[in-house]
Amino acid sequence: MSDRVAVVDYGAGNLRSAARALAAAGAANVDVTADPARIASADRIVLPGVGAFAQCINALRGATGIEAALSDAVRRRQVPFLGICVGMQLLATEGHEHGIHQGLGWLPGTVTRLQPDDSDLKIPHMGWNHVTAVNDSGMAQGDAYFVHSYRFDPDDAADVRATSDHGGVFPAIVARGNITGVQFHPEKSQTYGLAFLKAWLTA
């Protein structure tokens, strides 16, 4: 795979682990970068995210030129895009974590706190859970590693391509067109994570 995959460095992601996983999945040219020009000209883009919604969206918008570069590549040129964990949640219209914060709005929807129906289940949801394909998406199923306290629910249920369960079903994979987001961490999900990344790299 000769396409250049840009892993966006905006100070809020598990960058090196994501880059190593992409390389292990077959990406020959992984570029961890904060350079808007390199992001805008990439063949594929990965947006990691670790922490709170507000922290991540503020870091993204505080990094000069990155949001515009992402919009140009993903919205105008239709470059394949993958958001990981909070990087997926930033696709939403708004996030309700420590107040209400405007997201990128690329997949209309809302990020809200997980509310398990079993009081014995802890938040954050941390550990291995099964990922189940929905909406005839054809997504591979398997066990993935999650670390999160919030969930992203798209307005259009058809954008949900796979789910998982932590005291209630929540979206694990969302997608529309060239845009994909995963709530789990592919870089920590071993066999399933590498298989997912390989499929995304070759789609």
N, C-alpha and C. Protein backbone atom coordinates (compact mmCIF):
# COMPACT_ATOMS: atom_id res chain seq x y z
N MET A 1 0.84 -1.18 0.00
CA MET A 1 0.00 0.00 0.00
C MET A 1 0.89 1.25 0.00
N SER A 2 0.89 1.98 -1.09
CA SER A 2 1.79 3.13 -1.21
C SER A 2 1.12 4.44 -0.81
N ASP A 3 -0.20 4.43 -0.58
CA ASP A 3 -0.88 5.65 -0.18
C ASP A 3 -0.28 6.20 1.11
N ARG A 4 -0.21 7.52 1.19
CA ARG A 4 0.29 8.14 2.43
C ARG A 4 -0.86 8.33 3.40
N VAL A 5 -0.71 7.73 4.58
CA VAL A 5 -1.72 7.81 5.64
C VAL A 5 -1.26 8.86 6.64
N ALA A 6 -2.01 9.94 6.78
CA ALA A 6 -1.67 10.97 7.75
C ALA A 6 -2.38 10.68 9.06
N VAL A 7 -1.59 10.53 10.13
CA VAL A 7 -2.12 10.44 11.49
C VAL A 7 -2.00 11.84 12.08
N VAL A 8 -3.14 12.45 12.39
CA VAL A 8 -3.17 13.87 12.73
C VAL A 8 -2.66 14.08 14.16
N ASP A 9 -1.62 14.88 14.28
CA ASP A 9 -1.03 15.22 15.57
C ASP A 9 -1.56 16.59 16.01
N TYR A 10 -2.55 16.57 16.88
CA TYR A 10 -3.09 17.83 17.41
C TYR A 10 -2.98 17.86 18.93
N GLY A 11 -2.11 17.02 19.47
CA GLY A 11 -1.83 17.03 20.89
C GLY A 11 -2.84 16.29 21.73
N ALA A 12 -3.66 15.40 21.11
CA ALA A 12 -4.73 14.74 21.88
C ALA A 12 -4.96 13.31 21.42
N GLY A 13 -3.88 12.60 21.09
CA GLY A 13 -4.09 11.24 20.62
C GLY A 13 -2.96 10.31 20.96
N ASN A 14 -3.24 9.03 20.85
CA ASN A 14 -2.24 7.99 21.08
C ASN A 14 -1.55 7.73 19.73
N LEU A 15 -0.71 8.69 19.33
CA LEU A 15 -0.25 8.75 17.95
C LEU A 15 0.67 7.60 17.56
N ARG A 16 1.68 7.34 18.36
CA ARG A 16 2.69 6.35 17.97
C ARG A 16 2.10 4.95 17.93
N SER A 17 1.22 4.63 18.88
CA SER A 17 0.59 3.31 18.87
C SER A 17 -0.29 3.15 17.64
N ALA A 18 -1.04 4.20 17.29
CA ALA A 18 -1.88 4.15 16.09
C ALA A 18 -1.02 3.98 14.85
N ALA A 19 0.07 4.71 14.78
CA ALA A 19 0.96 4.63 13.61
C ALA A 19 1.56 3.23 13.48
N ARG A 20 2.00 2.65 14.60
CA ARG A 20 2.57 1.30 14.56
C ARG A 20 1.53 0.28 14.12
N ALA A 21 0.31 0.43 14.60
CA ALA A 21 -0.74 -0.52 14.21
C ALA A 21 -1.06 -0.40 12.72
N LEU A 22 -1.10 0.81 12.21
CA LEU A 22 -1.35 1.00 10.77
C LEU A 22 -0.24 0.36 9.95
N ALA A 23 1.00 0.52 10.38
CA ALA A 23 2.12 -0.10 9.67
C ALA A 23 2.01 -1.62 9.74
N ALA A 24 1.64 -2.16 10.90
CA ALA A 24 1.49 -3.60 11.05
C ALA A 24 0.35 -4.14 10.18
N ALA A 25 -0.65 -3.28 9.92
CA ALA A 25 -1.79 -3.69 9.09
C ALA A 25 -1.49 -3.56 7.60
N GLY A 26 -0.32 -3.01 7.26
CA GLY A 26 0.08 -2.97 5.86
C GLY A 26 0.31 -1.61 5.26
N ALA A 27 0.14 -0.54 6.04
CA ALA A 27 0.39 0.80 5.51
C ALA A 27 1.89 1.03 5.38
N ALA A 28 2.34 1.32 4.17
CA ALA A 28 3.78 1.46 3.93
C ALA A 28 4.28 2.86 4.22
N ASN A 29 3.39 3.84 4.23
CA ASN A 29 3.80 5.24 4.38
C ASN A 29 2.88 5.93 5.39
N VAL A 30 3.24 5.84 6.67
CA VAL A 30 2.45 6.45 7.74
C VAL A 30 3.14 7.74 8.18
N ASP A 31 2.43 8.83 8.13
CA ASP A 31 2.98 10.16 8.37
C ASP A 31 2.27 10.79 9.58
N VAL A 32 2.92 10.77 10.75
CA VAL A 32 2.38 11.45 11.92
C VAL A 32 2.72 12.93 11.78
N THR A 33 1.69 13.77 11.64
CA THR A 33 1.97 15.15 11.25
C THR A 33 0.97 16.14 11.83
N ALA A 34 1.46 17.34 12.10
CA ALA A 34 0.62 18.48 12.47
C ALA A 34 0.62 19.53 11.36
N ASP A 35 1.21 19.21 10.22
CA ASP A 35 1.35 20.14 9.10
C ASP A 35 0.06 20.15 8.28
N PRO A 36 -0.69 21.25 8.25
CA PRO A 36 -1.95 21.29 7.50
C PRO A 36 -1.79 20.90 6.04
N ALA A 37 -0.68 21.29 5.41
CA ALA A 37 -0.49 20.96 4.00
C ALA A 37 -0.35 19.45 3.80
N ARG A 38 0.35 18.79 4.70
CA ARG A 38 0.52 17.34 4.59
C ARG A 38 -0.78 16.60 4.89
N ILE A 39 -1.57 17.16 5.81
CA ILE A 39 -2.88 16.57 6.09
C ILE A 39 -3.80 16.74 4.88
N ALA A 40 -3.82 17.94 4.32
CA ALA A 40 -4.72 18.22 3.20
C ALA A 40 -4.40 17.39 1.97
N SER A 41 -3.14 16.99 1.81
CA SER A 41 -2.73 16.26 0.60
C SER A 41 -2.62 14.75 0.83
N ALA A 42 -2.99 14.26 2.02
CA ALA A 42 -2.86 12.84 2.32
C ALA A 42 -3.86 12.01 1.51
N ASP A 43 -3.53 10.73 1.35
CA ASP A 43 -4.42 9.80 0.65
C ASP A 43 -5.44 9.17 1.59
N ARG A 44 -5.09 9.08 2.87
CA ARG A 44 -5.99 8.61 3.92
C ARG A 44 -5.63 9.37 5.19
N ILE A 45 -6.63 9.55 6.07
CA ILE A 45 -6.42 10.34 7.29
C ILE A 45 -6.97 9.60 8.49
N VAL A 46 -6.18 9.58 9.57
CA VAL A 46 -6.60 8.99 10.83
C VAL A 46 -6.55 10.08 11.90
N LEU A 47 -7.66 10.22 12.64
CA LEU A 47 -7.74 11.19 13.74
C LEU A 47 -7.93 10.44 15.05
N PRO A 48 -6.84 10.24 15.81
CA PRO A 48 -6.99 9.61 17.13
C PRO A 48 -7.59 10.61 18.11
N GLY A 49 -7.89 10.13 19.30
CA GLY A 49 -8.39 11.02 20.34
C GLY A 49 -8.41 10.33 21.68
N VAL A 50 -7.79 10.94 22.67
CA VAL A 50 -7.77 10.41 24.03
C VAL A 50 -8.09 11.55 24.98
N GLY A 51 -9.06 11.35 25.87
CA GLY A 51 -9.41 12.39 26.83
C GLY A 51 -10.86 12.81 26.69
N ALA A 52 -11.15 14.04 27.07
CA ALA A 52 -12.51 14.56 27.04
C ALA A 52 -12.82 15.23 25.70
N PHE A 53 -14.10 15.23 25.33
CA PHE A 53 -14.55 15.82 24.07
C PHE A 53 -14.09 17.27 23.96
N ALA A 54 -14.37 18.06 24.99
CA ALA A 54 -14.04 19.50 24.94
C ALA A 54 -12.54 19.70 24.78
N GLN A 55 -11.76 18.94 25.52
CA GLN A 55 -10.30 19.05 25.43
C GLN A 55 -9.83 18.78 24.01
N CYS A 56 -10.38 17.73 23.40
CA CYS A 56 -9.92 17.33 22.06
C CYS A 56 -10.38 18.31 20.99
N ILE A 57 -11.65 18.74 21.03
CA ILE A 57 -12.10 19.65 19.98
C ILE A 57 -11.41 21.00 20.12
N ASN A 58 -11.14 21.43 21.35
CA ASN A 58 -10.43 22.69 21.53
C ASN A 58 -8.98 22.59 21.06
N ALA A 59 -8.36 21.43 21.30
CA ALA A 59 -6.99 21.23 20.82
C ALA A 59 -6.95 21.22 19.30
N LEU A 60 -7.94 20.58 18.69
CA LEU A 60 -8.00 20.52 17.23
C LEU A 60 -8.18 21.92 16.64
N ARG A 61 -9.11 22.66 17.22
CA ARG A 61 -9.38 24.00 16.69
C ARG A 61 -8.30 25.00 17.07
N GLY A 62 -7.52 24.68 18.09
CA GLY A 62 -6.43 25.55 18.48
C GLY A 62 -5.15 25.33 17.69
N ALA A 63 -5.13 24.24 16.92
CA ALA A 63 -3.96 23.93 16.09
C ALA A 63 -4.16 24.60 14.72
N THR A 64 -3.37 25.61 14.44
CA THR A 64 -3.58 26.46 13.26
C THR A 64 -3.66 25.67 11.96
N GLY A 65 -4.79 25.81 11.28
CA GLY A 65 -4.95 25.25 9.94
C GLY A 65 -5.40 23.82 9.87
N ILE A 66 -5.43 23.09 10.98
CA ILE A 66 -5.72 21.65 10.89
C ILE A 66 -7.19 21.39 10.56
N GLU A 67 -8.12 22.08 11.21
CA GLU A 67 -9.54 21.82 10.90
C GLU A 67 -9.85 22.13 9.44
N ALA A 68 -9.31 23.23 8.92
CA ALA A 68 -9.53 23.57 7.52
C ALA A 68 -8.92 22.53 6.59
N ALA A 69 -7.73 22.03 6.94
CA ALA A 69 -7.07 21.01 6.12
C ALA A 69 -7.88 19.72 6.12
N LEU A 70 -8.40 19.34 7.28
CA LEU A 70 -9.24 18.15 7.37
C LEU A 70 -10.50 18.30 6.53
N SER A 71 -11.13 19.45 6.64
CA SER A 71 -12.36 19.70 5.89
C SER A 71 -12.10 19.64 4.39
N ASP A 72 -10.99 20.22 3.95
CA ASP A 72 -10.65 20.21 2.53
C ASP A 72 -10.44 18.79 2.04
N ALA A 73 -9.70 18.00 2.81
CA ALA A 73 -9.40 16.63 2.38
C ALA A 73 -10.62 15.74 2.46
N VAL A 74 -11.29 15.76 3.61
CA VAL A 74 -12.36 14.79 3.87
C VAL A 74 -13.67 15.18 3.20
N ARG A 75 -14.03 16.46 3.28
CA ARG A 75 -15.32 16.89 2.74
C ARG A 75 -15.24 17.22 1.26
N ARG A 76 -14.17 17.89 0.84
CA ARG A 76 -14.08 18.29 -0.58
C ARG A 76 -13.51 17.18 -1.44
N ARG A 77 -12.36 16.61 -1.03
CA ARG A 77 -11.71 15.59 -1.86
C ARG A 77 -12.19 14.19 -1.57
N GLN A 78 -13.00 14.03 -0.51
CA GLN A 78 -13.55 12.72 -0.16
C GLN A 78 -12.48 11.69 0.17
N VAL A 79 -11.43 12.13 0.83
CA VAL A 79 -10.35 11.24 1.27
C VAL A 79 -10.89 10.30 2.36
N PRO A 80 -10.56 9.02 2.32
CA PRO A 80 -10.98 8.10 3.39
C PRO A 80 -10.47 8.57 4.75
N PHE A 81 -11.39 8.61 5.71
CA PHE A 81 -11.10 9.16 7.04
C PHE A 81 -11.50 8.16 8.11
N LEU A 82 -10.66 8.03 9.13
CA LEU A 82 -10.96 7.17 10.27
C LEU A 82 -10.75 7.93 11.57
N GLY A 83 -11.81 8.07 12.36
CA GLY A 83 -11.71 8.65 13.69
C GLY A 83 -11.70 7.55 14.74
N ILE A 84 -10.79 7.65 15.71
CA ILE A 84 -10.64 6.61 16.73
C ILE A 84 -11.00 7.18 18.09
N CYS A 85 -11.90 6.51 18.80
CA CYS A 85 -12.33 6.85 20.16
C CYS A 85 -12.88 8.28 20.18
N VAL A 86 -12.25 9.21 20.88
CA VAL A 86 -12.76 10.58 20.87
C VAL A 86 -12.65 11.18 19.46
N GLY A 87 -11.71 10.71 18.67
CA GLY A 87 -11.62 11.12 17.27
C GLY A 87 -12.88 10.77 16.50
N MET A 88 -13.54 9.68 16.88
CA MET A 88 -14.85 9.33 16.32
C MET A 88 -15.92 10.28 16.87
N GLN A 89 -15.89 10.53 18.18
CA GLN A 89 -16.93 11.36 18.79
C GLN A 89 -16.91 12.78 18.24
N LEU A 90 -15.74 13.27 17.83
CA LEU A 90 -15.66 14.63 17.30
C LEU A 90 -16.42 14.80 16.00
N LEU A 91 -16.81 13.69 15.35
CA LEU A 91 -17.61 13.76 14.14
C LEU A 91 -19.01 14.31 14.41
N ALA A 92 -19.45 14.24 15.67
CA ALA A 92 -20.81 14.58 16.04
C ALA A 92 -21.10 16.08 15.90
N THR A 93 -22.38 16.40 15.95
CA THR A 93 -22.79 17.80 15.98
C THR A 93 -22.36 18.47 17.27
N GLU A 94 -22.56 17.74 18.39
CA GLU A 94 -22.18 18.29 19.68
C GLU A 94 -21.88 17.19 20.68
N GLY A 95 -21.02 17.54 21.65
CA GLY A 95 -20.69 16.63 22.74
C GLY A 95 -21.15 17.21 24.06
N HIS A 96 -21.77 16.36 24.90
CA HIS A 96 -22.31 16.80 26.18
C HIS A 96 -21.42 16.30 27.32
N GLU A 97 -20.18 16.69 27.31
CA GLU A 97 -19.23 16.32 28.35
C GLU A 97 -18.67 17.59 28.96
N HIS A 98 -18.98 17.83 30.26
CA HIS A 98 -18.58 19.07 30.93
C HIS A 98 -19.13 20.28 30.16
N GLY A 99 -20.43 20.26 29.90
CA GLY A 99 -21.07 21.30 29.11
C GLY A 99 -21.39 20.79 27.71
N ILE A 100 -21.87 21.67 26.88
CA ILE A 100 -22.22 21.33 25.50
C ILE A 100 -21.22 22.01 24.58
N HIS A 101 -20.59 21.21 23.72
CA HIS A 101 -19.53 21.70 22.86
C HIS A 101 -19.80 21.28 21.42
N GLN A 102 -19.56 22.19 20.49
CA GLN A 102 -19.80 21.93 19.08
C GLN A 102 -18.72 21.03 18.51
N GLY A 103 -19.15 19.94 17.84
CA GLY A 103 -18.22 19.06 17.17
C GLY A 103 -18.02 19.46 15.72
N LEU A 104 -17.41 18.58 14.95
CA LEU A 104 -17.18 18.85 13.53
C LEU A 104 -18.48 18.84 12.74
N GLY A 105 -19.46 18.04 13.17
CA GLY A 105 -20.75 17.99 12.50
C GLY A 105 -20.74 17.23 11.19
N TRP A 106 -19.73 16.40 10.97
CA TRP A 106 -19.66 15.64 9.71
C TRP A 106 -20.66 14.49 9.69
N LEU A 107 -20.95 13.93 10.86
CA LEU A 107 -22.01 12.93 11.00
C LEU A 107 -22.97 13.47 12.06
N PRO A 108 -24.07 14.06 11.69
CA PRO A 108 -24.95 14.67 12.69
C PRO A 108 -25.34 13.68 13.79
N GLY A 109 -25.24 14.14 15.03
CA GLY A 109 -25.55 13.30 16.17
C GLY A 109 -25.01 13.91 17.44
N THR A 110 -25.15 13.17 18.54
CA THR A 110 -24.82 13.71 19.86
C THR A 110 -23.99 12.72 20.65
N VAL A 111 -23.04 13.24 21.41
CA VAL A 111 -22.21 12.43 22.31
C VAL A 111 -22.70 12.66 23.74
N THR A 112 -23.12 11.58 24.40
CA THR A 112 -23.64 11.65 25.76
C THR A 112 -22.98 10.59 26.63
N ARG A 113 -23.12 10.72 27.93
CA ARG A 113 -22.49 9.80 28.88
C ARG A 113 -23.14 8.42 28.81
N LEU A 114 -22.33 7.40 28.91
CA LEU A 114 -22.86 6.04 29.02
C LEU A 114 -23.70 5.91 30.29
N GLN A 115 -24.82 5.24 30.18
CA GLN A 115 -25.71 5.03 31.32
C GLN A 115 -26.06 3.55 31.41
N PRO A 116 -25.19 2.70 31.95
CA PRO A 116 -25.47 1.27 32.02
C PRO A 116 -26.72 0.97 32.84
N ASP A 117 -27.48 -0.03 32.41
CA ASP A 117 -28.68 -0.40 33.16
C ASP A 117 -28.37 -1.34 34.32
N ASP A 118 -27.10 -1.67 34.51
CA ASP A 118 -26.64 -2.49 35.61
C ASP A 118 -25.70 -1.64 36.47
N SER A 119 -26.09 -1.37 37.71
CA SER A 119 -25.31 -0.49 38.57
C SER A 119 -23.94 -1.06 38.93
N ASP A 120 -23.73 -2.35 38.70
CA ASP A 120 -22.44 -2.97 38.98
C ASP A 120 -21.42 -2.70 37.87
N LEU A 121 -21.90 -2.24 36.73
CA LEU A 121 -20.99 -1.96 35.62
C LEU A 121 -20.36 -0.58 35.81
N LYS A 122 -19.06 -0.53 35.67
CA LYS A 122 -18.34 0.69 35.97
C LYS A 122 -18.19 1.60 34.74
N ILE A 123 -18.06 2.87 35.03
CA ILE A 123 -17.72 3.89 34.03
C ILE A 123 -16.43 4.55 34.50
N PRO A 124 -15.40 4.66 33.67
CA PRO A 124 -15.41 4.34 32.23
C PRO A 124 -15.52 2.85 31.93
N HIS A 125 -16.10 2.58 30.78
CA HIS A 125 -16.13 1.24 30.23
C HIS A 125 -14.72 0.94 29.72
N MET A 126 -14.08 -0.03 30.33
CA MET A 126 -12.70 -0.32 30.00
C MET A 126 -12.50 -1.83 29.88
N GLY A 127 -12.08 -2.28 28.70
CA GLY A 127 -11.80 -3.69 28.52
C GLY A 127 -12.33 -4.22 27.20
N TRP A 128 -12.37 -5.55 27.11
CA TRP A 128 -12.74 -6.22 25.87
C TRP A 128 -14.24 -6.43 25.79
N ASN A 129 -14.82 -6.10 24.62
CA ASN A 129 -16.23 -6.34 24.35
C ASN A 129 -16.41 -6.79 22.91
N HIS A 130 -17.48 -7.53 22.70
CA HIS A 130 -17.75 -8.03 21.34
C HIS A 130 -18.35 -6.92 20.47
N VAL A 131 -17.92 -6.87 19.23
CA VAL A 131 -18.43 -5.93 18.23
C VAL A 131 -19.32 -6.71 17.27
N THR A 132 -20.56 -6.26 17.11
CA THR A 132 -21.55 -6.94 16.29
C THR A 132 -21.98 -6.05 15.14
N ALA A 133 -21.89 -6.55 13.92
CA ALA A 133 -22.29 -5.79 12.74
C ALA A 133 -23.81 -5.60 12.73
N VAL A 134 -24.25 -4.43 12.26
CA VAL A 134 -25.68 -4.13 12.13
C VAL A 134 -25.94 -3.47 10.78
N ASN A 135 -27.22 -3.32 10.45
CA ASN A 135 -27.64 -2.63 9.21
C ASN A 135 -27.02 -3.26 7.97
N ASP A 136 -26.82 -4.61 8.01
CA ASP A 136 -26.26 -5.33 6.86
C ASP A 136 -24.97 -4.68 6.36
N SER A 137 -24.16 -4.20 7.31
CA SER A 137 -22.96 -3.43 6.94
C SER A 137 -21.85 -4.30 6.38
N GLY A 138 -21.86 -5.59 6.70
CA GLY A 138 -20.78 -6.45 6.25
C GLY A 138 -19.50 -6.27 7.04
N MET A 139 -19.55 -5.48 8.13
CA MET A 139 -18.38 -5.29 8.97
C MET A 139 -17.98 -6.61 9.63
N ALA A 140 -16.68 -6.81 9.77
CA ALA A 140 -16.21 -7.99 10.48
C ALA A 140 -16.57 -7.88 11.95
N GLN A 141 -16.91 -9.01 12.55
CA GLN A 141 -17.26 -9.06 13.96
C GLN A 141 -16.10 -9.66 14.75
N GLY A 142 -16.00 -9.28 16.03
CA GLY A 142 -14.93 -9.81 16.86
C GLY A 142 -14.84 -9.05 18.16
N ASP A 143 -13.80 -9.30 18.92
CA ASP A 143 -13.63 -8.66 20.22
C ASP A 143 -12.63 -7.51 20.12
N ALA A 144 -13.03 -6.36 20.64
CA ALA A 144 -12.20 -5.15 20.57
C ALA A 144 -12.03 -4.56 21.96
N TYR A 145 -11.02 -3.70 22.07
CA TYR A 145 -10.69 -3.09 23.37
C TYR A 145 -11.22 -1.66 23.42
N PHE A 146 -12.01 -1.39 24.46
CA PHE A 146 -12.65 -0.09 24.64
C PHE A 146 -12.13 0.61 25.89
N VAL A 147 -12.03 1.94 25.82
CA VAL A 147 -11.79 2.79 26.99
C VAL A 147 -12.59 4.07 26.75
N HIS A 148 -13.76 4.19 27.38
CA HIS A 148 -14.58 5.39 27.15
C HIS A 148 -15.67 5.50 28.21
N SER A 149 -16.13 6.74 28.39
CA SER A 149 -17.23 7.03 29.30
C SER A 149 -18.44 7.61 28.56
N TYR A 150 -18.25 7.93 27.28
CA TYR A 150 -19.29 8.56 26.49
C TYR A 150 -19.56 7.76 25.22
N ARG A 151 -20.72 7.99 24.64
CA ARG A 151 -21.15 7.28 23.43
C ARG A 151 -21.59 8.30 22.38
N PHE A 152 -21.40 7.94 21.14
CA PHE A 152 -21.84 8.79 20.03
C PHE A 152 -23.02 8.12 19.34
N ASP A 153 -24.16 8.81 19.35
CA ASP A 153 -25.37 8.32 18.69
C ASP A 153 -25.68 9.20 17.49
N PRO A 154 -25.45 8.72 16.26
CA PRO A 154 -25.80 9.51 15.08
C PRO A 154 -27.31 9.73 14.99
N ASP A 155 -27.72 10.86 14.42
CA ASP A 155 -29.14 11.13 14.20
C ASP A 155 -29.76 10.11 13.27
N ASP A 156 -29.00 9.68 12.27
CA ASP A 156 -29.47 8.69 11.30
C ASP A 156 -28.97 7.31 11.74
N ALA A 157 -29.89 6.45 12.16
CA ALA A 157 -29.51 5.12 12.65
C ALA A 157 -28.78 4.30 11.60
N ALA A 158 -28.95 4.64 10.32
CA ALA A 158 -28.26 3.91 9.25
C ALA A 158 -26.77 4.16 9.27
N ASP A 159 -26.32 5.22 9.95
CA ASP A 159 -24.88 5.50 10.05
C ASP A 159 -24.18 4.56 11.04
N VAL A 160 -24.94 3.84 11.84
CA VAL A 160 -24.36 2.88 12.78
C VAL A 160 -24.09 1.58 12.03
N ARG A 161 -22.82 1.16 12.00
CA ARG A 161 -22.45 -0.03 11.23
C ARG A 161 -22.14 -1.23 12.11
N ALA A 162 -21.89 -0.98 13.41
CA ALA A 162 -21.66 -2.07 14.35
C ALA A 162 -21.92 -1.54 15.76
N THR A 163 -22.26 -2.45 16.67
CA THR A 163 -22.57 -2.06 18.04
C THR A 163 -21.79 -2.93 19.02
N SER A 164 -21.77 -2.48 20.27
CA SER A 164 -21.28 -3.29 21.38
C SER A 164 -22.23 -3.05 22.55
N ASP A 165 -21.95 -3.66 23.71
CA ASP A 165 -22.89 -3.59 24.82
C ASP A 165 -22.15 -3.44 26.14
N HIS A 166 -22.56 -2.44 26.90
CA HIS A 166 -22.05 -2.26 28.27
C HIS A 166 -23.22 -1.78 29.11
N GLY A 167 -24.07 -2.73 29.51
CA GLY A 167 -25.30 -2.37 30.20
C GLY A 167 -26.26 -1.63 29.31
N GLY A 168 -26.21 -1.91 28.03
CA GLY A 168 -26.99 -1.25 27.01
C GLY A 168 -26.19 -1.14 25.73
N VAL A 169 -26.88 -1.31 24.61
CA VAL A 169 -26.21 -1.31 23.31
C VAL A 169 -25.78 0.12 22.94
N PHE A 170 -24.57 0.25 22.41
CA PHE A 170 -24.07 1.55 21.95
C PHE A 170 -23.33 1.36 20.63
N PRO A 171 -23.21 2.41 19.81
CA PRO A 171 -22.50 2.30 18.54
C PRO A 171 -21.00 2.06 18.75
N ALA A 172 -20.48 1.06 18.05
CA ALA A 172 -19.04 0.76 18.09
C ALA A 172 -18.35 1.22 16.81
N ILE A 173 -19.07 1.20 15.69
CA ILE A 173 -18.55 1.68 14.41
C ILE A 173 -19.64 2.52 13.75
N VAL A 174 -19.29 3.70 13.29
CA VAL A 174 -20.20 4.52 12.50
C VAL A 174 -19.52 4.80 11.16
N ALA A 175 -20.33 5.00 10.14
CA ALA A 175 -19.75 5.28 8.82
C ALA A 175 -20.79 5.88 7.90
N ARG A 176 -20.30 6.76 7.05
CA ARG A 176 -21.11 7.29 5.94
C ARG A 176 -20.14 7.72 4.86
N GLY A 177 -20.28 7.13 3.68
CA GLY A 177 -19.39 7.48 2.58
C GLY A 177 -17.94 7.20 2.92
N ASN A 178 -17.11 8.23 2.80
CA ASN A 178 -15.67 8.08 3.04
C ASN A 178 -15.29 8.24 4.52
N ILE A 179 -16.29 8.49 5.38
CA ILE A 179 -16.03 8.77 6.80
C ILE A 179 -16.38 7.57 7.65
N THR A 180 -15.42 7.14 8.48
CA THR A 180 -15.63 6.02 9.40
C THR A 180 -15.14 6.43 10.79
N GLY A 181 -15.83 5.97 11.81
CA GLY A 181 -15.39 6.20 13.18
C GLY A 181 -15.55 4.93 14.00
N VAL A 182 -14.62 4.69 14.91
CA VAL A 182 -14.70 3.52 15.78
C VAL A 182 -14.55 3.97 17.24
N GLN A 183 -15.42 3.43 18.11
CA GLN A 183 -15.33 3.78 19.52
C GLN A 183 -14.20 3.02 20.21
N PHE A 184 -13.88 1.84 19.71
CA PHE A 184 -12.80 1.05 20.29
C PHE A 184 -11.44 1.53 19.79
N HIS A 185 -10.39 0.94 20.36
CA HIS A 185 -9.03 1.27 19.95
C HIS A 185 -8.48 0.13 19.08
N PRO A 186 -8.43 0.30 17.76
CA PRO A 186 -7.87 -0.77 16.92
C PRO A 186 -6.43 -1.11 17.30
N GLU A 187 -5.67 -0.09 17.72
CA GLU A 187 -4.25 -0.30 18.03
C GLU A 187 -4.07 -1.14 19.29
N LYS A 188 -5.13 -1.31 20.09
CA LYS A 188 -5.07 -2.14 21.30
C LYS A 188 -5.89 -3.43 21.16
N SER A 189 -6.48 -3.62 20.00
CA SER A 189 -7.44 -4.72 19.81
C SER A 189 -6.86 -5.93 19.11
N GLN A 190 -5.54 -6.02 19.06
CA GLN A 190 -4.83 -7.21 18.61
C GLN A 190 -5.35 -7.72 17.27
N THR A 191 -5.72 -8.98 17.17
CA THR A 191 -6.09 -9.58 15.89
C THR A 191 -7.25 -8.86 15.22
N TYR A 192 -8.29 -8.58 15.99
CA TYR A 192 -9.46 -7.90 15.41
C TYR A 192 -9.10 -6.49 14.96
N GLY A 193 -8.32 -5.77 15.78
CA GLY A 193 -7.95 -4.41 15.43
C GLY A 193 -7.12 -4.34 14.16
N LEU A 194 -6.15 -5.25 14.03
CA LEU A 194 -5.32 -5.26 12.82
C LEU A 194 -6.14 -5.63 11.59
N ALA A 195 -7.07 -6.57 11.75
CA ALA A 195 -7.93 -6.96 10.63
C ALA A 195 -8.82 -5.79 10.22
N PHE A 196 -9.34 -5.05 11.20
CA PHE A 196 -10.17 -3.88 10.88
C PHE A 196 -9.36 -2.84 10.11
N LEU A 197 -8.15 -2.53 10.61
CA LEU A 197 -7.32 -1.53 9.94
C LEU A 197 -6.94 -1.96 8.52
N LYS A 198 -6.63 -3.24 8.38
CA LYS A 198 -6.28 -3.73 7.04
C LYS A 198 -7.45 -3.56 6.08
N ALA A 199 -8.66 -3.88 6.56
CA ALA A 199 -9.85 -3.72 5.71
C ALA A 199 -10.06 -2.26 5.36
N TRP A 200 -9.85 -1.36 6.34
CA TRP A 200 -10.04 0.07 6.06
C TRP A 200 -8.99 0.56 5.08
N LEU A 201 -7.76 0.10 5.20
CA LEU A 201 -6.68 0.54 4.32
C LEU A 201 -6.89 0.08 2.88
N THR A 202 -7.59 -0.99 2.69
CA THR A 202 -7.75 -1.56 1.34
C THR A 202 -9.15 -1.32 0.77
N ALA A 203 -10.01 -0.67 1.53
CA ALA A 203 -11.39 -0.43 1.04
C ALA A 203 -11.39 0.61 -0.08
